């Protein structure tokens, strides 16, 4: 299933490894690479970063959507959108 993550981007749910809140990771030196990428982007509307793996390569995608909203979108069952297709 695909998930809209903001900034006109859609990801395959199976590619997503983690969704991190930027306001929380700013306080940890363990996230230094992400923090440096965030500073280089210099986009104040970024609220979260999604770590994905595509074709055996890890990528980080910054988005203006809050982690709580992304969590809801990721946990939504496909049958919620297409209830008549349960028998397929």
PDB file of N, CA and C in Angstrom:
ATOM      1  N   UNK A   1       0.841  -1.173   0.000  1.00  0.00           N
ATOM      2  CA  UNK A   1       0.000   0.000   0.000  1.00  0.00           C
ATOM      3  C   UNK A   1       0.891   1.242   0.000  1.00  0.00           C
ATOM      4  N   UNK A   2       0.399   2.290  -0.580  1.00  0.00           N
ATOM      5  CA  UNK A   2       1.142   3.532  -0.694  1.00  0.00           C
ATOM      6  C   UNK A   2       0.611   4.564   0.297  1.00  0.00           C
ATOM      7  N   UNK A   3       1.516   5.444   0.731  1.00  0.00           N
ATOM      8  CA  UNK A   3       1.187   6.445   1.748  1.00  0.00           C
ATOM      9  C   UNK A   3       1.648   7.813   1.255  1.00  0.00           C
ATOM     10  N   UNK A   4       0.743   8.803   1.350  1.00  0.00           N
ATOM     11  CA  UNK A   4       1.111  10.183   1.018  1.00  0.00           C
ATOM     12  C   UNK A   4       1.852  10.763   2.207  1.00  0.00           C
ATOM     13  N   UNK A   5       3.057  11.285   1.960  1.00  0.00           N
ATOM     14  CA  UNK A   5       3.878  11.784   3.058  1.00  0.00           C
ATOM     15  C   UNK A   5       4.086  13.291   3.010  1.00  0.00           C
ATOM     16  N   UNK A   6       3.294  13.976   2.201  1.00  0.00           N
ATOM     17  CA  UNK A   6       3.446  15.423   2.078  1.00  0.00           C
ATOM     18  C   UNK A   6       4.419  15.777   0.980  1.00  0.00           C
ATOM     19  N   UNK A   7       4.522  17.055   0.689  1.00  0.00           N
ATOM     20  CA  UNK A   7       5.434  17.565  -0.347  1.00  0.00           C
ATOM     21  C   UNK A   7       5.222  16.855  -1.681  1.00  0.00           C
ATOM     22  N   UNK A   8       3.977  16.482  -1.967  1.00  0.00           N
ATOM     23  CA  UNK A   8       3.617  15.800  -3.216  1.00  0.00           C
ATOM     24  C   UNK A   8       4.392  14.501  -3.428  1.00  0.00           C
ATOM     25  N   UNK A   9       4.664  13.770  -2.345  1.00  0.00           N
ATOM     26  CA  UNK A   9       5.377  12.499  -2.445  1.00  0.00           C
ATOM     27  C   UNK A   9       4.527  11.369  -1.895  1.00  0.00           C
ATOM     28  N   UNK A  10       4.651  10.224  -2.540  1.00  0.00           N
ATOM     29  CA  UNK A  10       3.967   9.016  -2.105  1.00  0.00           C
ATOM     30  C   UNK A  10       5.011   7.917  -1.996  1.00  0.00           C
ATOM     31  N   UNK A  11       4.953   7.156  -0.896  1.00  0.00           N
ATOM     32  CA  UNK A  11       5.906   6.068  -0.674  1.00  0.00           C
ATOM     33  C   UNK A  11       5.177   4.752  -0.528  1.00  0.00           C
ATOM     34  N   UNK A  12       5.873   3.695  -0.872  1.00  0.00           N
ATOM     35  CA  UNK A  12       5.382   2.358  -0.592  1.00  0.00           C
ATOM     36  C   UNK A  12       5.574   2.104   0.905  1.00  0.00           C
ATOM     37  N   UNK A  13       4.536   1.671   1.572  1.00  0.00           N
ATOM     38  CA  UNK A  13       4.591   1.443   3.012  1.00  0.00           C
ATOM     39  C   UNK A  13       5.679   0.431   3.374  1.00  0.00           C
ATOM     40  N   UNK A  14       5.913  -0.548   2.516  1.00  0.00           N
ATOM     41  CA  UNK A  14       6.903  -1.587   2.793  1.00  0.00           C
ATOM     42  C   UNK A  14       8.340  -1.073   2.760  1.00  0.00           C
ATOM     43  N   UNK A  15       8.574   0.066   2.146  1.00  0.00           N
ATOM     44  CA  UNK A  15       9.916   0.642   2.075  1.00  0.00           C
ATOM     45  C   UNK A  15      10.296   1.421   3.328  1.00  0.00           C
ATOM     46  N   UNK A  16       9.326   1.780   4.147  1.00  0.00           N
ATOM     47  CA  UNK A  16       9.570   2.646   5.304  1.00  0.00           C
ATOM     48  C   UNK A  16      10.181   1.856   6.456  1.00  0.00           C
ATOM     49  N   UNK A  17      11.306   2.362   6.946  1.00  0.00           N
ATOM     50  CA  UNK A  17      11.993   1.752   8.085  1.00  0.00           C
ATOM     51  C   UNK A  17      11.619   2.471   9.376  1.00  0.00           C
ATOM     52  N   UNK A  18      11.626   3.812   9.332  1.00  0.00           N
ATOM     53  CA  UNK A  18      11.356   4.600  10.541  1.00  0.00           C
ATOM     54  C   UNK A  18      10.791   5.959  10.176  1.00  0.00           C
ATOM     55  N   UNK A  19      10.018   6.508  11.113  1.00  0.00           N
ATOM     56  CA  UNK A  19       9.505   7.873  11.013  1.00  0.00           C
ATOM     57  C   UNK A  19       9.932   8.572  12.294  1.00  0.00           C
ATOM     58  N   UNK A  20      10.710   9.633  12.149  1.00  0.00           N
ATOM     59  CA  UNK A  20      11.292  10.296  13.321  1.00  0.00           C
ATOM     60  C   UNK A  20      10.847  11.752  13.404  1.00  0.00           C
ATOM     61  N   UNK A  21      10.610  12.197  14.621  1.00  0.00           N
ATOM     62  CA  UNK A  21      10.230  13.574  14.899  1.00  0.00           C
ATOM     63  C   UNK A  21      11.495  14.422  14.978  1.00  0.00           C
ATOM     64  N   UNK A  22      11.611  15.412  14.117  1.00  0.00           N
ATOM     65  CA  UNK A  22      12.819  16.238  14.077  1.00  0.00           C
ATOM     66  C   UNK A  22      13.052  17.002  15.373  1.00  0.00           C
ATOM     67  N   UNK A  23      11.999  17.400  16.038  1.00  0.00           N
ATOM     68  CA  UNK A  23      12.186  18.145  17.291  1.00  0.00           C
ATOM     69  C   UNK A  23      12.789  17.256  18.386  1.00  0.00           C
ATOM     70  N   UNK A  24      12.611  15.961  18.287  1.00  0.00           N
ATOM     71  CA  UNK A  24      13.169  15.049  19.283  1.00  0.00           C
ATOM     72  C   UNK A  24      14.605  14.630  18.960  1.00  0.00           C
ATOM     73  N   UNK A  25      14.910  14.458  17.693  1.00  0.00           N
ATOM     74  CA  UNK A  25      16.258  13.980  17.361  1.00  0.00           C
ATOM     75  C   UNK A  25      17.307  15.088  17.408  1.00  0.00           C
ATOM     76  N   UNK A  26      16.887  16.333  17.472  1.00  0.00           N
ATOM     77  CA  UNK A  26      17.835  17.448  17.550  1.00  0.00           C
ATOM     78  C   UNK A  26      18.691  17.381  18.811  1.00  0.00           C
ATOM     79  N   UNK A  27      18.233  16.685  19.814  1.00  0.00           N
ATOM     80  CA  UNK A  27      18.896  16.673  21.111  1.00  0.00           C
ATOM     81  C   UNK A  27      19.883  15.524  21.277  1.00  0.00           C
ATOM     82  N   UNK A  28      20.128  14.754  20.225  1.00  0.00           N
ATOM     83  CA  UNK A  28      20.995  13.591  20.356  1.00  0.00           C
ATOM     84  C   UNK A  28      22.118  13.636  19.330  1.00  0.00           C
ATOM     85  N   UNK A  29      23.336  13.461  19.800  1.00  0.00           N
ATOM     86  CA  UNK A  29      24.481  13.436  18.884  1.00  0.00           C
ATOM     87  C   UNK A  29      24.494  12.165  18.046  1.00  0.00           C
ATOM     88  N   UNK A  30      23.745  11.147  18.445  1.00  0.00           N
ATOM     89  CA  UNK A  30      23.686   9.907  17.668  1.00  0.00           C
ATOM     90  C   UNK A  30      23.021  10.135  16.312  1.00  0.00           C
ATOM     91  N   UNK A  31      22.274  11.190  16.197  1.00  0.00           N
ATOM     92  CA  UNK A  31      21.562  11.506  14.959  1.00  0.00           C
ATOM     93  C   UNK A  31      22.257  12.622  14.186  1.00  0.00           C
ATOM     94  N   UNK A  32      23.535  12.719  14.319  1.00  0.00           N
ATOM     95  CA  UNK A  32      24.293  13.829  13.757  1.00  0.00           C
ATOM     96  C   UNK A  32      24.146  13.944  12.236  1.00  0.00           C
ATOM     97  N   UNK A  33      24.118  12.832  11.524  1.00  0.00           N
ATOM     98  CA  UNK A  33      23.969  12.886  10.064  1.00  0.00           C
ATOM     99  C   UNK A  33      22.632  13.510   9.672  1.00  0.00           C
ATOM    100  N   UNK A  34      21.580  13.085  10.356  1.00  0.00           N
ATOM    101  CA  UNK A  34      20.250  13.625  10.054  1.00  0.00           C
ATOM    102  C   UNK A  34      20.188  15.106  10.409  1.00  0.00           C
ATOM    103  N   UNK A  35      20.770  15.465  11.540  1.00  0.00           N
ATOM    104  CA  UNK A  35      20.773  16.860  11.979  1.00  0.00           C
ATOM    105  C   UNK A  35      21.516  17.732  10.957  1.00  0.00           C
ATOM    106  N   UNK A  36      22.654  17.243  10.457  1.00  0.00           N
ATOM    107  CA  UNK A  36      23.417  18.014   9.458  1.00  0.00           C
ATOM    108  C   UNK A  36      22.636  18.150   8.156  1.00  0.00           C
ATOM    109  N   UNK A  37      21.958  17.097   7.720  1.00  0.00           N
ATOM    110  CA  UNK A  37      21.127  17.189   6.517  1.00  0.00           C
ATOM    111  C   UNK A  37      20.001  18.204   6.710  1.00  0.00           C
ATOM    112  N   UNK A  38      19.411  18.178   7.912  1.00  0.00           N
ATOM    113  CA  UNK A  38      18.316  19.095   8.212  1.00  0.00           C
ATOM    114  C   UNK A  38      18.805  20.543   8.165  1.00  0.00           C
ATOM    115  N   UNK A  39      19.965  20.795   8.738  1.00  0.00           N
ATOM    116  CA  UNK A  39      20.520  22.153   8.729  1.00  0.00           C
ATOM    117  C   UNK A  39      20.852  22.601   7.310  1.00  0.00           C
ATOM    118  N   UNK A  40      21.354  21.689   6.498  1.00  0.00           N
ATOM    119  CA  UNK A  40      21.688  22.022   5.116  1.00  0.00           C
ATOM    120  C   UNK A  40      20.431  22.354   4.307  1.00  0.00           C
ATOM    121  N   UNK A  41      19.346  21.665   4.595  1.00  0.00           N
ATOM    122  CA  UNK A  41      18.079  21.939   3.905  1.00  0.00           C
ATOM    123  C   UNK A  41      17.531  23.303   4.291  1.00  0.00           C
ATOM    124  N   UNK A  42      17.683  23.654   5.566  1.00  0.00           N
ATOM    125  CA  UNK A  42      17.235  24.941   6.091  1.00  0.00           C
ATOM    126  C   UNK A  42      15.764  25.221   5.740  1.00  0.00           C
ATOM    127  N   UNK A  43      14.918  24.236   5.999  1.00  0.00           N
ATOM    128  CA  UNK A  43      13.488  24.362   5.722  1.00  0.00           C
ATOM    129  C   UNK A  43      12.737  24.321   7.055  1.00  0.00           C
ATOM    130  N   UNK A  44      12.268  25.466   7.549  1.00  0.00           N
ATOM    131  CA  UNK A  44      11.619  25.499   8.861  1.00  0.00           C
ATOM    132  C   UNK A  44      10.293  24.738   8.923  1.00  0.00           C
ATOM    133  N   UNK A  45       9.716  24.387   7.785  1.00  0.00           N
ATOM    134  CA  UNK A  45       8.448  23.662   7.818  1.00  0.00           C
ATOM    135  C   UNK A  45       8.624  22.150   8.014  1.00  0.00           C
ATOM    136  N   UNK A  46       9.861  21.646   7.933  1.00  0.00           N
ATOM    137  CA  UNK A  46      10.101  20.215   8.151  1.00  0.00           C
ATOM    138  C   UNK A  46       9.759  19.831   9.584  1.00  0.00           C
ATOM    139  N   UNK A  47       8.938  18.799   9.721  1.00  0.00           N
ATOM    140  CA  UNK A  47       8.558  18.318  11.052  1.00  0.00           C
ATOM    141  C   UNK A  47       9.062  16.911  11.335  1.00  0.00           C
ATOM    142  N   UNK A  48       9.272  16.137  10.274  1.00  0.00           N
ATOM    143  CA  UNK A  48       9.692  14.761  10.489  1.00  0.00           C
ATOM    144  C   UNK A  48      10.588  14.300   9.353  1.00  0.00           C
ATOM    145  N   UNK A  49      11.269  13.191   9.608  1.00  0.00           N
ATOM    146  CA  UNK A  49      12.106  12.567   8.596  1.00  0.00           C
ATOM    147  C   UNK A  49      11.701  11.096   8.517  1.00  0.00           C
ATOM    148  N   UNK A  50      11.589  10.604   7.295  1.00  0.00           N
ATOM    149  CA  UNK A  50      11.222   9.214   7.067  1.00  0.00           C
ATOM    150  C   UNK A  50      12.445   8.520   6.497  1.00  0.00           C
ATOM    151  N   UNK A  51      12.841   7.445   7.125  1.00  0.00           N
ATOM    152  CA  UNK A  51      13.974   6.664   6.634  1.00  0.00           C
ATOM    153  C   UNK A  51      13.406   5.482   5.870  1.00  0.00           C
ATOM    154  N   UNK A  52      13.829   5.354   4.625  1.00  0.00           N
ATOM    155  CA  UNK A  52      13.321   4.270   3.778  1.00  0.00           C
ATOM    156  C   UNK A  52      14.493   3.472   3.205  1.00  0.00           C
ATOM    157  N   UNK A  53      14.174   2.290   2.728  1.00  0.00           N
ATOM    158  CA  UNK A  53      15.162   1.489   2.030  1.00  0.00           C
ATOM    159  C   UNK A  53      14.571   1.062   0.696  1.00  0.00           C
ATOM    160  N   UNK A  54      15.190   1.520  -0.382  1.00  0.00           N
ATOM    161  CA  UNK A  54      14.793   1.168  -1.753  1.00  0.00           C
ATOM    162  C   UNK A  54      16.012   0.636  -2.478  1.00  0.00           C
ATOM    163  N   UNK A  55      15.832  -0.489  -3.128  1.00  0.00           N
ATOM    164  CA  UNK A  55      16.926  -1.087  -3.912  1.00  0.00           C
ATOM    165  C   UNK A  55      18.215  -1.207  -3.095  1.00  0.00           C
ATOM    166  N   UNK A  56      18.082  -1.685  -1.859  1.00  0.00           N
ATOM    167  CA  UNK A  56      19.210  -1.884  -0.944  1.00  0.00           C
ATOM    168  C   UNK A  56      19.981  -0.601  -0.642  1.00  0.00           C
ATOM    169  N   UNK A  57      19.312   0.539  -0.760  1.00  0.00           N
ATOM    170  CA  UNK A  57      19.936   1.819  -0.442  1.00  0.00           C
ATOM    171  C   UNK A  57      19.043   2.567   0.546  1.00  0.00           C
ATOM    172  N   UNK A  58      19.645   3.071   1.606  1.00  0.00           N
ATOM    173  CA  UNK A  58      18.902   3.823   2.617  1.00  0.00           C
ATOM    174  C   UNK A  58      18.807   5.290   2.203  1.00  0.00           C
ATOM    175  N   UNK A  59      17.604   5.846   2.346  1.00  0.00           N
ATOM    176  CA  UNK A  59      17.376   7.253   2.021  1.00  0.00           C
ATOM    177  C   UNK A  59      16.638   7.920   3.169  1.00  0.00           C
ATOM    178  N   UNK A  60      16.834   9.233   3.287  1.00  0.00           N
ATOM    179  CA  UNK A  60      16.106  10.028   4.272  1.00  0.00           C
ATOM    180  C   UNK A  60      15.274  11.056   3.524  1.00  0.00           C
ATOM    181  N   UNK A  61      13.983  11.107   3.863  1.00  0.00           N
ATOM    182  CA  UNK A  61      13.070  12.042   3.214  1.00  0.00           C
ATOM    183  C   UNK A  61      12.477  12.943   4.292  1.00  0.00           C
ATOM    184  N   UNK A  62      12.684  14.225   4.158  1.00  0.00           N
ATOM    185  CA  UNK A  62      12.149  15.195   5.106  1.00  0.00           C
ATOM    186  C   UNK A  62      10.759  15.616   4.644  1.00  0.00           C
ATOM    187  N   UNK A  63       9.862  15.810   5.601  1.00  0.00           N
ATOM    188  CA  UNK A  63       8.494  16.178   5.251  1.00  0.00           C
ATOM    189  C   UNK A  63       7.926  17.165   6.261  1.00  0.00           C
ATOM    190  N   UNK A  64       6.922  17.886   5.821  1.00  0.00           N
ATOM    191  CA  UNK A  64       6.265  18.870   6.683  1.00  0.00           C
ATOM    192  C   UNK A  64       5.073  18.271   7.424  1.00  0.00           C
ATOM    193  N   UNK A  65       4.855  16.973   7.303  1.00  0.00           N
ATOM    194  CA  UNK A  65       3.754  16.288   7.986  1.00  0.00           C
ATOM    195  C   UNK A  65       4.234  15.811   9.353  1.00  0.00           C
ATOM    196  N   UNK A  66       3.409  15.992  10.370  1.00  0.00           N
ATOM    197  CA  UNK A  66       3.756  15.582  11.731  1.00  0.00           C
ATOM    198  C   UNK A  66       3.801  14.060  11.851  1.00  0.00           C
ATOM    199  N   UNK A  67       4.609  13.584  12.781  1.00  0.00           N
ATOM    200  CA  UNK A  67       4.746  12.148  13.009  1.00  0.00           C
ATOM    201  C   UNK A  67       3.410  11.520  13.373  1.00  0.00           C
ATOM    202  N   UNK A  68       2.599  12.195  14.164  1.00  0.00           N
ATOM    203  CA  UNK A  68       1.303  11.625  14.563  1.00  0.00           C
ATOM    204  C   UNK A  68       0.395  11.408  13.353  1.00  0.00           C
ATOM    205  N   UNK A  69       0.417  12.320  12.406  1.00  0.00           N
ATOM    206  CA  UNK A  69      -0.384  12.164  11.190  1.00  0.00           C
ATOM    207  C   UNK A  69       0.148  11.028  10.337  1.00  0.00           C
ATOM    208  N   UNK A  70       1.466  10.952  10.209  1.00  0.00           N
ATOM    209  CA  UNK A  70       2.054   9.855   9.438  1.00  0.00           C
ATOM    210  C   UNK A  70       1.751   8.506  10.081  1.00  0.00           C
ATOM    211  N   UNK A  71       1.782   8.464  11.410  1.00  0.00           N
ATOM    212  CA  UNK A  71       1.463   7.218  12.116  1.00  0.00           C
ATOM    213  C   UNK A  71       0.040   6.771  11.790  1.00  0.00           C
ATOM    214  N   UNK A  72      -0.897   7.697  11.791  1.00  0.00           N
ATOM    215  CA  UNK A  72      -2.280   7.364  11.450  1.00  0.00           C
ATOM    216  C   UNK A  72      -2.390   6.858  10.021  1.00  0.00           C
ATOM    217  N   UNK A  73      -1.706   7.530   9.113  1.00  0.00           N
ATOM    218  CA  UNK A  73      -1.761   7.112   7.709  1.00  0.00           C
ATOM    219  C   UNK A  73      -1.147   5.733   7.507  1.00  0.00           C
ATOM    220  N   UNK A  74      -0.083   5.443   8.232  1.00  0.00           N
ATOM    221  CA  UNK A  74       0.568   4.144   8.093  1.00  0.00           C
ATOM    222  C   UNK A  74      -0.218   3.013   8.750  1.00  0.00           C
ATOM    223  N   UNK A  75      -0.974   3.335   9.775  1.00  0.00           N
ATOM    224  CA  UNK A  75      -1.706   2.285  10.480  1.00  0.00           C
ATOM    225  C   UNK A  75      -3.092   2.037   9.898  1.00  0.00           C
ATOM    226  N   UNK A  76      -3.529   2.876   8.973  1.00  0.00           N
ATOM    227  CA  UNK A  76      -4.847   2.714   8.375  1.00  0.00           C
ATOM    228  C   UNK A  76      -4.870   1.465   7.514  1.00  0.00           C
ATOM    229  N   UNK A  77      -5.890   0.669   7.710  1.00  0.00           N
ATOM    230  CA  UNK A  77      -6.062  -0.555   6.959  1.00  0.00           C
ATOM    231  C   UNK A  77      -6.600  -0.229   5.569  1.00  0.00           C
ATOM    232  N   UNK A  78      -6.160  -0.954   4.574  1.00  0.00           N
ATOM    233  CA  UNK A  78      -6.622  -0.724   3.197  1.00  0.00           C
ATOM    234  C   UNK A  78      -8.126  -0.924   3.083  1.00  0.00           C
ATOM    235  N   UNK A  79      -8.706  -1.792   3.919  1.00  0.00           N
ATOM    236  CA  UNK A  79     -10.139  -2.057   3.849  1.00  0.00           C
ATOM    237  C   UNK A  79     -10.968  -0.862   4.297  1.00  0.00           C
ATOM    238  N   UNK A  80     -10.336   0.077   4.998  1.00  0.00           N
ATOM    239  CA  UNK A  80     -11.037   1.292   5.384  1.00  0.00           C
ATOM    240  C   UNK A  80     -11.411   2.092   4.134  1.00  0.00           C
ATOM    241  N   UNK A  81     -10.521   2.079   3.151  1.00  0.00           N
ATOM    242  CA  UNK A  81     -10.761   2.827   1.925  1.00  0.00           C
ATOM    243  C   UNK A  81     -11.594   2.050   0.909  1.00  0.00           C
ATOM    244  N   UNK A  82     -11.429   0.721   0.920  1.00  0.00           N
ATOM    245  CA  UNK A  82     -12.099  -0.113  -0.074  1.00  0.00           C
ATOM    246  C   UNK A  82     -12.813  -1.276   0.607  1.00  0.00           C
ATOM    247  N   UNK A  83     -13.852  -1.019   1.405  1.00  0.00           N
ATOM    248  CA  UNK A  83     -14.475  -2.077   2.188  1.00  0.00           C
ATOM    249  C   UNK A  83     -15.136  -3.168   1.340  1.00  0.00           C
ATOM    250  N   UNK A  84     -15.589  -2.844   0.133  1.00  0.00           N
ATOM    251  CA  UNK A  84     -16.262  -3.837  -0.685  1.00  0.00           C
ATOM    252  C   UNK A  84     -15.274  -4.830  -1.301  1.00  0.00           C
ATOM    253  N   UNK A  85     -13.992  -4.602  -1.181  1.00  0.00           N
ATOM    254  CA  UNK A  85     -12.987  -5.476  -1.775  1.00  0.00           C
ATOM    255  C   UNK A  85     -12.404  -6.474  -0.770  1.00  0.00           C
ATOM    256  N   UNK A  86     -13.034  -6.691   0.363  1.00  0.00           N
ATOM    257  CA  UNK A  86     -12.503  -7.604   1.379  1.00  0.00           C
ATOM    258  C   UNK A  86     -12.387  -9.036   0.854  1.00  0.00           C
ATOM    259  N   UNK A  87     -13.231  -9.417  -0.065  1.00  0.00           N
ATOM    260  CA  UNK A  87     -13.240 -10.790  -0.542  1.00  0.00           C
ATOM    261  C   UNK A  87     -12.203 -11.065  -1.606  1.00  0.00           C
ATOM    262  N   UNK A  88     -11.479 -10.075  -2.030  1.00  0.00           N
ATOM    263  CA  UNK A  88     -10.495 -10.245  -3.100  1.00  0.00           C
ATOM    264  C   UNK A  88      -9.259 -10.911  -2.546  1.00  0.00           C
TER     265      UNK A  88
END
